[in-house]
Amino acid sequence: MGKGGRVLCIALPMILTIASLVCLVFVFLGSRDAKNGTTSEFYFWRADTSNFTSNPNVKIGGHNISGLITAIDGTASANNLSDFYQVGLWDYCSGKNDSGDDKVTFCSKPQSSYFFNLTEVWNLQNTSAEEAFPKTLKDGLKAYQKGAHWMFVIYVIALAVTAGEIVVGFFAIFSRWGSCVTTIVSAASTLFTILAAITSTVITSIVVGAFEASFKAYGIKTSFGTKMLAVVWLAVAFSLVSGVFWTLSTCCCSGQSGAKRDGGIRRSGTLVERTPYTHEYKPVGEPVFGQQPAYGQPGHGQAMPMHTMTGAQSHARHQSQGFEPYRNV
């Protein structure tokens, strides 16, 4: 098929790899810009505090968290508590609910390994709120803080390796060796993308579970960011399928012409096979292709039989005419 067939062979895995990269880019852009309504819809989890009500008599797991609720109520009374908070990879965004329509009004400054610090965001630093945190919430936030760092690192590696896969993939146009190298890079990209998806899904589940167990009785609802998680797992799907096609490209569509593969020479559209050399023992100086000696030279007309030669003549002929071991005809 030649180079054209080679290009078509790697076109599909290249497109799938680019699609996986785009999905990962959305993860990095999610919940970053308060003015961008599209990216603000991508977040890992969300806490809706618009229906928060304080009830000091409620106990969570047998633990009275009235101090925490009182502190949150004080923040809400001072209008420092937003109607919702949605957390992404770099930061969080908050906003107000206007007649059922959520509008993002603020996004925090992006930072690596970000985690939602409940005490800082809800202005609970100068209260006894942290002491009133139930065990479920404390354990959940602790696991979330530790996991957020590794989640960020894994996402950065996944993004970088996927971008590298696209660059290396261009070399796959020229040979199967290029496909082999690209397949190795693709395997690494798929591995880190899967790890990123699993890590973010597990961490999000832990946070949502901790918030729901601690604050559901007070009207605070916590939910998954389904769009963000769907994009993450879509990146995994694209990466897996592209890896399969990169692997297939190592054993098909070599990119060489048929003549070069078959060892022939193509001239004017016709494949001419190389024929092996033929070898024949010939006396040195003996005419080739049946040519006769020139007129007047010894041997013209007919050759002198060996048995009619005298001993001296035979010896002289052997001395003057050696035998060439291999002579190409």
C-alpha atoms as a PDB file:
ATOM      1  CA  MET A   1       0.000   0.000   0.000  1.00  0.00           C
ATOM      2  CA  GLY A   2       2.971   2.325   0.440  1.00  0.00           C
ATOM      3  CA  LYS A   3       3.134   5.547   2.407  1.00  0.00           C
ATOM      4  CA  GLY A   4      -0.481   6.463   1.635  1.00  0.00           C
ATOM      5  CA  GLY A   5      -1.707   3.250   3.205  1.00  0.00           C
ATOM      6  CA  ARG A   6       0.587   3.805   6.161  1.00  0.00           C
ATOM      7  CA  VAL A   7      -0.920   7.233   6.802  1.00  0.00           C
ATOM      8  CA  LEU A   8      -4.436   5.790   6.711  1.00  0.00           C
ATOM      9  CA  CYS A   9      -3.357   2.990   9.046  1.00  0.00           C
ATOM     10  CA  ILE A  10      -2.321   5.381  11.820  1.00  0.00           C
ATOM     11  CA  ALA A  11      -4.983   8.039  11.209  1.00  0.00           C
ATOM     12  CA  LEU A  12      -7.574   6.378  13.481  1.00  0.00           C
ATOM     13  CA  PRO A  13      -5.326   5.860  16.552  1.00  0.00           C
ATOM     14  CA  MET A  14      -3.988   9.394  16.112  1.00  0.00           C
ATOM     15  CA  ILE A  15      -7.515  10.849  16.110  1.00  0.00           C
ATOM     16  CA  LEU A  16      -8.443   8.799  19.186  1.00  0.00           C
ATOM     17  CA  THR A  17      -5.300   9.958  20.995  1.00  0.00           C
ATOM     18  CA  ILE A  18      -6.120  13.590  20.223  1.00  0.00           C
ATOM     19  CA  ALA A  19      -9.656  13.017  21.536  1.00  0.00           C
ATOM     20  CA  SER A  20      -8.222  11.627  24.773  1.00  0.00           C
ATOM     21  CA  LEU A  21      -5.964  14.676  25.098  1.00  0.00           C
ATOM     22  CA  VAL A  22      -8.906  17.040  24.584  1.00  0.00           C
ATOM     23  CA  CYS A  23     -10.810  15.303  27.389  1.00  0.00           C
ATOM     24  CA  LEU A  24      -7.844  15.695  29.741  1.00  0.00           C
ATOM     25  CA  VAL A  25      -7.565  19.374  28.806  1.00  0.00           C
ATOM     26  CA  PHE A  26     -11.205  19.824  29.829  1.00  0.00           C
ATOM     27  CA  VAL A  27     -10.322  18.392  33.238  1.00  0.00           C
ATOM     28  CA  PHE A  28      -7.601  21.014  33.638  1.00  0.00           C
ATOM     29  CA  LEU A  29      -9.879  23.827  32.444  1.00  0.00           C
ATOM     30  CA  GLY A  30     -12.895  22.745  34.490  1.00  0.00           C
ATOM     31  CA  SER A  31     -14.131  25.122  37.195  1.00  0.00           C
ATOM     32  CA  ARG A  32     -11.483  27.711  36.360  1.00  0.00           C
ATOM     33  CA  ASP A  33     -13.251  30.745  34.947  1.00  0.00           C
ATOM     34  CA  ALA A  34     -16.327  32.346  36.479  1.00  0.00           C
ATOM     35  CA  LYS A  35     -17.134  34.076  33.172  1.00  0.00           C
ATOM     36  CA  ASN A  36     -16.953  30.896  31.102  1.00  0.00           C
ATOM     37  CA  GLY A  37     -20.245  29.097  31.452  1.00  0.00           C
ATOM     38  CA  THR A  38     -18.966  26.002  29.636  1.00  0.00           C
ATOM     39  CA  THR A  39     -15.896  25.182  31.697  1.00  0.00           C
ATOM     40  CA  SER A  40     -17.607  26.174  34.950  1.00  0.00           C
ATOM     41  CA  GLU A  41     -19.928  23.190  34.491  1.00  0.00           C
ATOM     42  CA  PHE A  42     -17.022  20.767  34.817  1.00  0.00           C
ATOM     43  CA  TYR A  43     -16.165  19.964  38.430  1.00  0.00           C
ATOM     44  CA  PHE A  44     -15.523  16.855  40.519  1.00  0.00           C
ATOM     45  CA  TRP A  45     -18.043  17.498  43.281  1.00  0.00           C
ATOM     46  CA  ARG A  46     -20.461  20.145  44.455  1.00  0.00           C
ATOM     47  CA  ALA A  47     -21.911  21.257  47.789  1.00  0.00           C
ATOM     48  CA  ASP A  48     -25.297  23.008  47.623  1.00  0.00           C
ATOM     49  CA  THR A  49     -25.768  25.169  50.710  1.00  0.00           C
ATOM     50  CA  SER A  50     -28.732  27.215  49.462  1.00  0.00           C
ATOM     51  CA  ASN A  51     -31.119  25.317  51.756  1.00  0.00           C
ATOM     52  CA  PHE A  52     -28.894  25.287  54.835  1.00  0.00           C
ATOM     53  CA  THR A  53     -30.787  25.372  58.117  1.00  0.00           C
ATOM     54  CA  SER A  54     -29.243  25.264  61.565  1.00  0.00           C
ATOM     55  CA  ASN A  55     -30.562  22.652  63.971  1.00  0.00           C
ATOM     56  CA  PRO A  56     -28.328  22.395  67.050  1.00  0.00           C
ATOM     57  CA  ASN A  57     -30.243  19.435  68.420  1.00  0.00           C
ATOM     58  CA  VAL A  58     -29.272  17.079  65.579  1.00  0.00           C
ATOM     59  CA  LYS A  59     -26.506  14.626  66.346  1.00  0.00           C
ATOM     60  CA  ILE A  60     -24.331  13.017  63.678  1.00  0.00           C
ATOM     61  CA  GLY A  61     -23.239   9.518  64.612  1.00  0.00           C
ATOM     62  CA  GLY A  62     -23.978  10.233  68.253  1.00  0.00           C
ATOM     63  CA  HIS A  63     -21.716  13.281  68.090  1.00  0.00           C
ATOM     64  CA  ASN A  64     -23.123  16.732  68.720  1.00  0.00           C
ATOM     65  CA  ILE A  65     -21.806  19.155  66.092  1.00  0.00           C
ATOM     66  CA  SER A  66     -23.735  22.176  67.304  1.00  0.00           C
ATOM     67  CA  GLY A  67     -20.503  24.175  67.469  1.00  0.00           C
ATOM     68  CA  LEU A  68     -19.821  23.530  63.802  1.00  0.00           C
ATOM     69  CA  ILE A  69     -23.347  24.296  62.719  1.00  0.00           C
ATOM     70  CA  THR A  70     -23.430  27.480  64.793  1.00  0.00           C
ATOM     71  CA  ALA A  71     -20.212  28.605  63.119  1.00  0.00           C
ATOM     72  CA  ILE A  72     -21.591  27.876  59.653  1.00  0.00           C
ATOM     73  CA  ASP A  73     -24.808  29.662  60.563  1.00  0.00           C
ATOM     74  CA  GLY A  74     -22.777  32.699  61.595  1.00  0.00           C
ATOM     75  CA  THR A  75     -21.046  32.683  58.196  1.00  0.00           C
ATOM     76  CA  ALA A  76     -24.405  32.426  56.464  1.00  0.00           C
ATOM     77  CA  SER A  77     -25.845  35.268  58.543  1.00  0.00           C
ATOM     78  CA  ALA A  78     -22.922  37.467  57.506  1.00  0.00           C
ATOM     79  CA  ASN A  79     -23.678  36.660  53.845  1.00  0.00           C
ATOM     80  CA  ASN A  80     -20.301  34.990  53.532  1.00  0.00           C
ATOM     81  CA  LEU A  81     -21.800  31.625  52.652  1.00  0.00           C
ATOM     82  CA  SER A  82     -22.495  31.128  48.951  1.00  0.00           C
ATOM     83  CA  ASP A  83     -25.404  29.090  47.644  1.00  0.00           C
ATOM     84  CA  PHE A  84     -23.120  26.450  46.131  1.00  0.00           C
ATOM     85  CA  TYR A  85     -19.479  25.404  45.886  1.00  0.00           C
ATOM     86  CA  GLN A  86     -18.053  23.277  43.104  1.00  0.00           C
ATOM     87  CA  VAL A  87     -14.525  21.909  43.222  1.00  0.00           C
ATOM     88  CA  GLY A  88     -12.225  21.222  40.291  1.00  0.00           C
ATOM     89  CA  LEU A  89      -8.641  20.094  39.871  1.00  0.00           C
ATOM     90  CA  TRP A  90      -7.054  23.516  40.474  1.00  0.00           C
ATOM     91  CA  ASP A  91      -9.559  25.472  42.567  1.00  0.00           C
ATOM     92  CA  TYR A  92     -13.157  25.896  43.562  1.00  0.00           C
ATOM     93  CA  CYS A  93     -15.892  28.177  42.260  1.00  0.00           C
ATOM     94  CA  SER A  94     -18.901  29.502  44.149  1.00  0.00           C
ATOM     95  CA  GLY A  95     -22.011  31.412  43.250  1.00  0.00           C
ATOM     96  CA  LYS A  96     -25.610  32.299  43.856  1.00  0.00           C
ATOM     97  CA  ASN A  97     -28.854  30.619  42.924  1.00  0.00           C
ATOM     98  CA  ASP A  98     -31.084  33.132  41.156  1.00  0.00           C
ATOM     99  CA  SER A  99     -34.614  31.751  40.686  1.00  0.00           C
ATOM    100  CA  GLY A 100     -33.326  28.252  40.078  1.00  0.00           C
ATOM    101  CA  ASP A 101     -30.512  29.393  37.817  1.00  0.00           C
ATOM    102  CA  ASP A 102     -27.032  28.867  39.258  1.00  0.00           C
ATOM    103  CA  LYS A 103     -24.575  31.626  38.426  1.00  0.00           C
ATOM    104  CA  VAL A 104     -20.869  31.362  39.237  1.00  0.00           C
ATOM    105  CA  THR A 105     -19.628  34.609  40.759  1.00  0.00           C
ATOM    106  CA  PHE A 106     -16.199  33.691  42.114  1.00  0.00           C
ATOM    107  CA  CYS A 107     -13.370  31.256  41.402  1.00  0.00           C
ATOM    108  CA  SER A 108     -10.378  30.918  43.702  1.00  0.00           C
ATOM    109  CA  LYS A 109      -6.813  31.364  42.560  1.00  0.00           C
ATOM    110  CA  PRO A 110      -5.594  28.164  40.844  1.00  0.00           C
ATOM    111  CA  GLN A 111      -2.976  26.148  42.662  1.00  0.00           C
ATOM    112  CA  SER A 112      -1.435  22.736  42.217  1.00  0.00           C
ATOM    113  CA  SER A 113      -2.545  19.837  44.434  1.00  0.00           C
ATOM    114  CA  TYR A 114      -5.612  21.809  45.439  1.00  0.00           C
ATOM    115  CA  PHE A 115      -8.071  20.536  48.027  1.00  0.00           C
ATOM    116  CA  PHE A 116     -11.189  22.169  49.394  1.00  0.00           C
ATOM    117  CA  ASN A 117     -10.242  23.465  52.840  1.00  0.00           C
ATOM    118  CA  LEU A 118     -13.607  23.671  54.555  1.00  0.00           C
ATOM    119  CA  THR A 119     -12.310  25.775  57.444  1.00  0.00           C
ATOM    120  CA  GLU A 120     -10.836  28.486  55.214  1.00  0.00           C
ATOM    121  CA  VAL A 121     -13.548  28.607  52.574  1.00  0.00           C
ATOM    122  CA  TRP A 122     -16.404  28.824  55.061  1.00  0.00           C
ATOM    123  CA  ASN A 123     -14.520  31.282  57.317  1.00  0.00           C
ATOM    124  CA  LEU A 124     -14.385  29.012  60.356  1.00  0.00           C
ATOM    125  CA  GLN A 125     -10.784  29.758  61.388  1.00  0.00           C
ATOM    126  CA  ASN A 126     -11.546  31.697  64.582  1.00  0.00           C
ATOM    127  CA  THR A 127     -14.188  29.310  65.862  1.00  0.00           C
ATOM    128  CA  SER A 128     -14.265  25.973  67.609  1.00  0.00           C
ATOM    129  CA  ALA A 129     -15.730  24.395  64.475  1.00  0.00           C
ATOM    130  CA  GLU A 130     -12.816  22.071  63.735  1.00  0.00           C
ATOM    131  CA  GLU A 131     -13.076  20.572  67.203  1.00  0.00           C
ATOM    132  CA  ALA A 132     -16.718  19.822  66.494  1.00  0.00           C
ATOM    133  CA  PHE A 133     -16.028  18.002  63.197  1.00  0.00           C
ATOM    134  CA  PRO A 134     -17.512  14.494  63.347  1.00  0.00           C
ATOM    135  CA  LYS A 135     -15.077  11.613  62.814  1.00  0.00           C
ATOM    136  CA  THR A 136     -16.554  10.810  59.401  1.00  0.00           C
ATOM    137  CA  LEU A 137     -15.852  14.344  58.202  1.00  0.00           C
ATOM    138  CA  LYS A 138     -12.363  14.462  59.720  1.00  0.00           C
ATOM    139  CA  ASP A 139     -11.328  11.160  58.124  1.00  0.00           C
ATOM    140  CA  GLY A 140     -12.857  12.117  54.791  1.00  0.00           C
ATOM    141  CA  LEU A 141     -11.123  15.500  54.643  1.00  0.00           C
ATOM    142  CA  LYS A 142      -7.807  13.973  55.710  1.00  0.00           C
ATOM    143  CA  ALA A 143      -7.958  11.343  52.946  1.00  0.00           C
ATOM    144  CA  TYR A 144      -9.066  14.016  50.484  1.00  0.00           C
ATOM    145  CA  GLN A 145      -6.120  16.285  51.326  1.00  0.00           C
ATOM    146  CA  LYS A 146      -3.576  13.514  50.875  1.00  0.00           C
ATOM    147  CA  GLY A 147      -5.183  12.116  47.748  1.00  0.00           C
ATOM    148  CA  ALA A 148      -5.549  15.524  46.078  1.00  0.00           C
ATOM    149  CA  HIS A 149      -1.768  15.844  45.763  1.00  0.00           C
ATOM    150  CA  TRP A 150      -1.288  12.492  44.051  1.00  0.00           C
ATOM    151  CA  MET A 151      -4.367  13.007  41.909  1.00  0.00           C
ATOM    152  CA  PHE A 152      -2.917  16.250  40.562  1.00  0.00           C
ATOM    153  CA  VAL A 153       0.480  14.650  39.866  1.00  0.00           C
ATOM    154  CA  ILE A 154      -1.103  11.727  38.022  1.00  0.00           C
ATOM    155  CA  TYR A 155      -3.226  14.045  35.884  1.00  0.00           C
ATOM    156  CA  VAL A 156      -0.177  16.117  34.919  1.00  0.00           C
ATOM    157  CA  ILE A 157       1.732  12.979  33.917  1.00  0.00           C
ATOM    158  CA  ALA A 158      -1.255  11.633  31.968  1.00  0.00           C
ATOM    159  CA  LEU A 159      -1.595  14.916  30.074  1.00  0.00           C
ATOM    160  CA  ALA A 160       2.136  15.105  29.300  1.00  0.00           C
ATOM    161  CA  VAL A 161       2.455  11.487  28.163  1.00  0.00           C
ATOM    162  CA  THR A 162      -0.662  11.739  25.988  1.00  0.00           C
ATOM    163  CA  ALA A 163       0.732  14.852  24.310  1.00  0.00           C
ATOM    164  CA  GLY A 164       4.022  12.995  23.818  1.00  0.00           C
ATOM    165  CA  GLU A 165       2.116  10.092  22.274  1.00  0.00           C
ATOM    166  CA  ILE A 166       0.788  12.421  19.589  1.00  0.00           C
ATOM    167  CA  VAL A 167       4.278  13.716  18.798  1.00  0.00           C
ATOM    168  CA  VAL A 168       5.818  10.241  18.646  1.00  0.00           C
ATOM    169  CA  GLY A 169       2.852   9.032  16.621  1.00  0.00           C
ATOM    170  CA  PHE A 170       3.974  11.089  13.617  1.00  0.00           C
ATOM    171  CA  PHE A 171       7.081   8.896  13.354  1.00  0.00           C
ATOM    172  CA  ALA A 172       4.794   5.883  12.972  1.00  0.00           C
ATOM    173  CA  ILE A 173       3.986   7.140   9.468  1.00  0.00           C
ATOM    174  CA  PHE A 174       7.389   6.070   8.237  1.00  0.00           C
ATOM    175  CA  SER A 175       7.850   2.602   9.697  1.00  0.00           C
ATOM    176  CA  ARG A 176       6.547  -0.134  11.947  1.00  0.00           C
ATOM    177  CA  TRP A 177       9.343   0.669  14.363  1.00  0.00           C
ATOM    178  CA  GLY A 178       7.725   4.065  14.836  1.00  0.00           C
ATOM    179  CA  SER A 179       4.464   2.282  15.633  1.00  0.00           C
ATOM    180  CA  CYS A 180       6.270   0.060  18.131  1.00  0.00           C
ATOM    181  CA  VAL A 181       7.659   3.061  20.029  1.00  0.00           C
ATOM    182  CA  THR A 182       4.292   4.823  19.878  1.00  0.00           C
ATOM    183  CA  THR A 183       2.572   1.714  21.250  1.00  0.00           C
ATOM    184  CA  ILE A 184       4.887   1.758  24.277  1.00  0.00           C
ATOM    185  CA  VAL A 185       4.161   5.450  24.908  1.00  0.00           C
ATOM    186  CA  SER A 186       0.443   4.762  24.402  1.00  0.00           C
ATOM    187  CA  ALA A 187       0.540   2.039  27.045  1.00  0.00           C
ATOM    188  CA  ALA A 188       2.048   4.505  29.538  1.00  0.00           C
ATOM    189  CA  SER A 189      -0.526   7.133  28.602  1.00  0.00           C
ATOM    190  CA  THR A 190      -3.390   4.688  29.089  1.00  0.00           C
ATOM    191  CA  LEU A 191      -2.003   3.534  32.420  1.00  0.00           C
ATOM    192  CA  PHE A 192      -1.767   7.046  33.886  1.00  0.00           C
ATOM    193  CA  THR A 193      -5.128   8.076  32.446  1.00  0.00           C
ATOM    194  CA  ILE A 194      -6.768   5.066  34.114  1.00  0.00           C
ATOM    195  CA  LEU A 195      -4.998   5.848  37.389  1.00  0.00           C
ATOM    196  CA  ALA A 196      -6.159   9.474  37.184  1.00  0.00           C
ATOM    197  CA  ALA A 197      -9.754   8.407  36.565  1.00  0.00           C
ATOM    198  CA  ILE A 198      -9.746   5.870  39.387  1.00  0.00           C
ATOM    199  CA  THR A 199      -8.078   8.262  41.848  1.00  0.00           C
ATOM    200  CA  SER A 200     -10.444  11.143  41.138  1.00  0.00           C
ATOM    201  CA  THR A 201     -13.494   8.877  41.293  1.00  0.00           C
ATOM    202  CA  VAL A 202     -12.443   7.345  44.633  1.00  0.00           C
ATOM    203  CA  ILE A 203     -11.494  10.681  46.211  1.00  0.00           C
ATOM    204  CA  THR A 204     -14.718  12.305  45.027  1.00  0.00           C
ATOM    205  CA  SER A 205     -16.708   9.410  46.484  1.00  0.00           C
ATOM    206  CA  ILE A 206     -14.954   9.833  49.834  1.00  0.00           C
ATOM    207  CA  VAL A 207     -15.647  13.576  49.989  1.00  0.00           C
ATOM    208  CA  VAL A 208     -19.262  13.294  48.879  1.00  0.00           C
ATOM    209  CA  GLY A 209     -19.862  10.496  51.379  1.00  0.00           C
ATOM    210  CA  ALA A 210     -18.295  12.477  54.242  1.00  0.00           C
ATOM    211  CA  PHE A 211     -20.247  15.661  53.473  1.00  0.00           C
ATOM    212  CA  GLU A 212     -23.528  13.827  53.006  1.00  0.00           C
ATOM    213  CA  ALA A 213     -23.131  11.961  56.305  1.00  0.00           C
ATOM    214  CA  SER A 214     -22.247  15.155  58.186  1.00  0.00           C
ATOM    215  CA  PHE A 215     -24.423  17.866  56.638  1.00  0.00           C
ATOM    216  CA  LYS A 216     -27.412  16.271  54.942  1.00  0.00           C
ATOM    217  CA  ALA A 217     -29.527  16.744  58.066  1.00  0.00           C
ATOM    218  CA  TYR A 218     -28.812  20.503  57.858  1.00  0.00           C
ATOM    219  CA  GLY A 219     -29.969  20.926  54.275  1.00  0.00           C
ATOM    220  CA  ILE A 220     -26.510  20.833  52.663  1.00  0.00           C
ATOM    221  CA  LYS A 221     -26.569  18.501  49.669  1.00  0.00           C
ATOM    222  CA  THR A 222     -23.414  17.161  48.111  1.00  0.00           C
ATOM    223  CA  SER A 223     -23.250  15.579  44.645  1.00  0.00           C
ATOM    224  CA  PHE A 224     -20.847  14.237  42.047  1.00  0.00           C
ATOM    225  CA  GLY A 225     -19.752  16.286  39.059  1.00  0.00           C
ATOM    226  CA  THR A 226     -21.104  13.838  36.498  1.00  0.00           C
ATOM    227  CA  LYS A 227     -19.871  15.813  33.490  1.00  0.00           C
ATOM    228  CA  MET A 228     -16.303  15.926  34.764  1.00  0.00           C
ATOM    229  CA  LEU A 229     -16.203  12.251  35.670  1.00  0.00           C
ATOM    230  CA  ALA A 230     -17.806  11.335  32.346  1.00  0.00           C
ATOM    231  CA  VAL A 231     -15.093  13.266  30.494  1.00  0.00           C
ATOM    232  CA  VAL A 232     -12.377  11.574  32.550  1.00  0.00           C
ATOM    233  CA  TRP A 233     -13.632   8.076  31.791  1.00  0.00           C
ATOM    234  CA  LEU A 234     -14.201   9.036  28.172  1.00  0.00           C
ATOM    235  CA  ALA A 235     -10.506   9.924  28.020  1.00  0.00           C
ATOM    236  CA  VAL A 236      -9.770   6.424  29.329  1.00  0.00           C
ATOM    237  CA  ALA A 237     -11.953   4.845  26.620  1.00  0.00           C
ATOM    238  CA  PHE A 238     -10.285   6.838  23.845  1.00  0.00           C
ATOM    239  CA  SER A 239      -6.842   5.981  25.203  1.00  0.00           C
ATOM    240  CA  LEU A 240      -7.602   2.260  25.439  1.00  0.00           C
ATOM    241  CA  VAL A 241      -8.965   2.002  21.899  1.00  0.00           C
ATOM    242  CA  SER A 242      -6.136   4.070  20.431  1.00  0.00           C
ATOM    243  CA  GLY A 243      -3.643   1.753  22.138  1.00  0.00           C
ATOM    244  CA  VAL A 244      -5.253  -1.251  20.431  1.00  0.00           C
ATOM    245  CA  PHE A 245      -4.968   0.374  16.996  1.00  0.00           C
ATOM    246  CA  TRP A 246      -1.394   1.509  17.636  1.00  0.00           C
ATOM    247  CA  THR A 247      -0.567  -2.111  18.397  1.00  0.00           C
ATOM    248  CA  LEU A 248      -2.244  -3.296  15.186  1.00  0.00           C
ATOM    249  CA  SER A 249      -0.256  -0.754  13.172  1.00  0.00           C
ATOM    250  CA  THR A 250       2.974  -2.526  14.178  1.00  0.00           C
ATOM    251  CA  CYS A 251       2.050  -5.587  12.124  1.00  0.00           C
ATOM    252  CA  CYS A 252       0.352  -4.122   9.061  1.00  0.00           C
ATOM    253  CA  CYS A 253       0.889  -1.408   6.454  1.00  0.00           C
ATOM    254  CA  SER A 254       4.693  -1.346   6.466  1.00  0.00           C
ATOM    255  CA  GLY A 255       4.811   1.725   4.225  1.00  0.00           C
ATOM    256  CA  GLN A 256       7.139   0.066   1.671  1.00  0.00           C
ATOM    257  CA  SER A 257       6.217  -0.463  -1.951  1.00  0.00           C
ATOM    258  CA  GLY A 258       5.512  -3.957  -3.224  1.00  0.00           C
ATOM    259  CA  ALA A 259       8.644  -3.947  -5.367  1.00  0.00           C
ATOM    260  CA  LYS A 260      10.897  -3.158  -2.447  1.00  0.00           C
ATOM    261  CA  ARG A 261       9.274  -5.797  -0.237  1.00  0.00           C
ATOM    262  CA  ASP A 262       9.562  -8.504  -2.924  1.00  0.00           C
ATOM    263  CA  GLY A 263      13.166  -7.754  -3.813  1.00  0.00           C
ATOM    264  CA  GLY A 264      12.357  -6.741  -7.396  1.00  0.00           C
ATOM    265  CA  ILE A 265      12.972  -3.654  -9.520  1.00  0.00           C
ATOM    266  CA  ARG A 266       9.974  -1.787 -10.886  1.00  0.00           C
ATOM    267  CA  ARG A 267      10.539  -0.244 -14.317  1.00  0.00           C
ATOM    268  CA  SER A 268       7.760   1.541 -16.192  1.00  0.00           C
ATOM    269  CA  GLY A 269       5.122  -0.118 -14.034  1.00  0.00           C
ATOM    270  CA  THR A 270       6.525  -3.644 -14.596  1.00  0.00           C
ATOM    271  CA  LEU A 271       8.125  -5.648 -11.838  1.00  0.00           C
ATOM    272  CA  VAL A 272      11.374  -7.217 -13.064  1.00  0.00           C
ATOM    273  CA  GLU A 273      12.778  -9.995 -10.908  1.00  0.00           C
ATOM    274  CA  ARG A 274      16.474 -10.306 -10.360  1.00  0.00           C
ATOM    275  CA  THR A 275      17.753 -13.603 -11.834  1.00  0.00           C
ATOM    276  CA  PRO A 276      20.556 -15.498 -10.129  1.00  0.00           C
ATOM    277  CA  TYR A 277      23.991 -15.613 -11.673  1.00  0.00           C
ATOM    278  CA  THR A 278      24.851 -18.628 -13.816  1.00  0.00           C
ATOM    279  CA  HIS A 279      28.370 -19.925 -13.707  1.00  0.00           C
ATOM    280  CA  GLU A 280      30.313 -21.972 -16.241  1.00  0.00           C
ATOM    281  CA  TYR A 281      33.915 -22.964 -16.487  1.00  0.00           C
ATOM    282  CA  LYS A 282      35.528 -21.447 -19.577  1.00  0.00           C
ATOM    283  CA  PRO A 283      39.084 -21.376 -20.732  1.00  0.00           C
ATOM    284  CA  VAL A 284      40.719 -17.976 -20.422  1.00  0.00           C
ATOM    285  CA  GLY A 285      40.674 -16.310 -23.801  1.00  0.00           C
ATOM    286  CA  GLU A 286      38.031 -18.631 -25.293  1.00  0.00           C
ATOM    287  CA  PRO A 287      35.463 -16.722 -27.345  1.00  0.00           C
ATOM    288  CA  VAL A 288      32.137 -16.145 -25.727  1.00  0.00           C
ATOM    289  CA  PHE A 289      28.736 -16.789 -27.322  1.00  0.00           C
ATOM    290  CA  GLY A 290      30.241 -19.026 -29.957  1.00  0.00           C
ATOM    291  CA  GLN A 291      32.406 -16.367 -31.658  1.00  0.00           C
ATOM    292  CA  GLN A 292      34.968 -17.720 -34.116  1.00  0.00           C
ATOM    293  CA  PRO A 293      38.626 -16.658 -34.336  1.00  0.00           C
ATOM    294  CA  ALA A 294      39.425 -14.070 -36.912  1.00  0.00           C
ATOM    295  CA  TYR A 295      40.545 -15.071 -40.389  1.00  0.00           C
ATOM    296  CA  GLY A 296      44.126 -16.129 -40.517  1.00  0.00           C
ATOM    297  CA  GLN A 297      44.383 -17.001 -36.884  1.00  0.00           C
ATOM    298  CA  PRO A 298      45.062 -20.520 -35.651  1.00  0.00           C
ATOM    299  CA  GLY A 299      41.903 -22.478 -35.145  1.00  0.00           C
ATOM    300  CA  HIS A 300      39.928 -20.698 -37.864  1.00  0.00           C
ATOM    301  CA  GLY A 301      37.394 -22.995 -39.450  1.00  0.00           C
ATOM    302  CA  GLN A 302      37.690 -25.799 -36.924  1.00  0.00           C
ATOM    303  CA  ALA A 303      39.252 -26.463 -33.576  1.00  0.00           C
ATOM    304  CA  MET A 304      42.260 -28.770 -33.309  1.00  0.00           C
ATOM    305  CA  PRO A 305      41.268 -31.951 -31.514  1.00  0.00           C
ATOM    306  CA  MET A 306      43.237 -32.668 -28.375  1.00  0.00           C
ATOM    307  CA  HIS A 307      44.257 -36.135 -29.490  1.00  0.00           C
ATOM    308  CA  THR A 308      45.957 -34.773 -32.659  1.00  0.00           C
ATOM    309  CA  MET A 309      48.161 -32.402 -30.702  1.00  0.00           C
ATOM    310  CA  THR A 310      51.696 -33.288 -30.037  1.00  0.00           C
ATOM    311  CA  GLY A 311      52.917 -33.294 -26.503  1.00  0.00           C
ATOM    312  CA  ALA A 312      54.649 -29.962 -27.011  1.00  0.00           C
ATOM    313  CA  GLN A 313      51.507 -28.385 -28.546  1.00  0.00           C
ATOM    314  CA  SER A 314      49.304 -29.626 -25.711  1.00  0.00           C
ATOM    315  CA  HIS A 315      51.750 -28.366 -23.120  1.00  0.00           C
ATOM    316  CA  ALA A 316      51.996 -24.994 -24.881  1.00  0.00           C
ATOM    317  CA  ARG A 317      48.223 -24.625 -25.007  1.00  0.00           C
ATOM    318  CA  HIS A 318      47.862 -25.374 -21.307  1.00  0.00           C
ATOM    319  CA  GLN A 319      50.588 -22.863 -20.572  1.00  0.00           C
ATOM    320  CA  SER A 320      49.010 -20.092 -22.641  1.00  0.00           C
ATOM    321  CA  GLN A 321      45.346 -20.764 -21.846  1.00  0.00           C
ATOM    322  CA  GLY A 322      44.482 -21.171 -18.181  1.00  0.00           C
ATOM    323  CA  PHE A 323      40.983 -21.857 -16.939  1.00  0.00           C
ATOM    324  CA  GLU A 324      38.877 -19.215 -15.292  1.00  0.00           C
ATOM    325  CA  PRO A 325      36.995 -20.795 -12.367  1.00  0.00           C
ATOM    326  CA  TYR A 326      33.874 -18.603 -12.638  1.00  0.00           C
ATOM    327  CA  ARG A 327      32.850 -16.710 -15.653  1.00  0.00           C
ATOM    328  CA  ASN A 328      29.491 -15.027 -15.958  1.00  0.00           C
ATOM    329  CA  VAL A 329      27.656 -15.624 -19.209  1.00  0.00           C
END
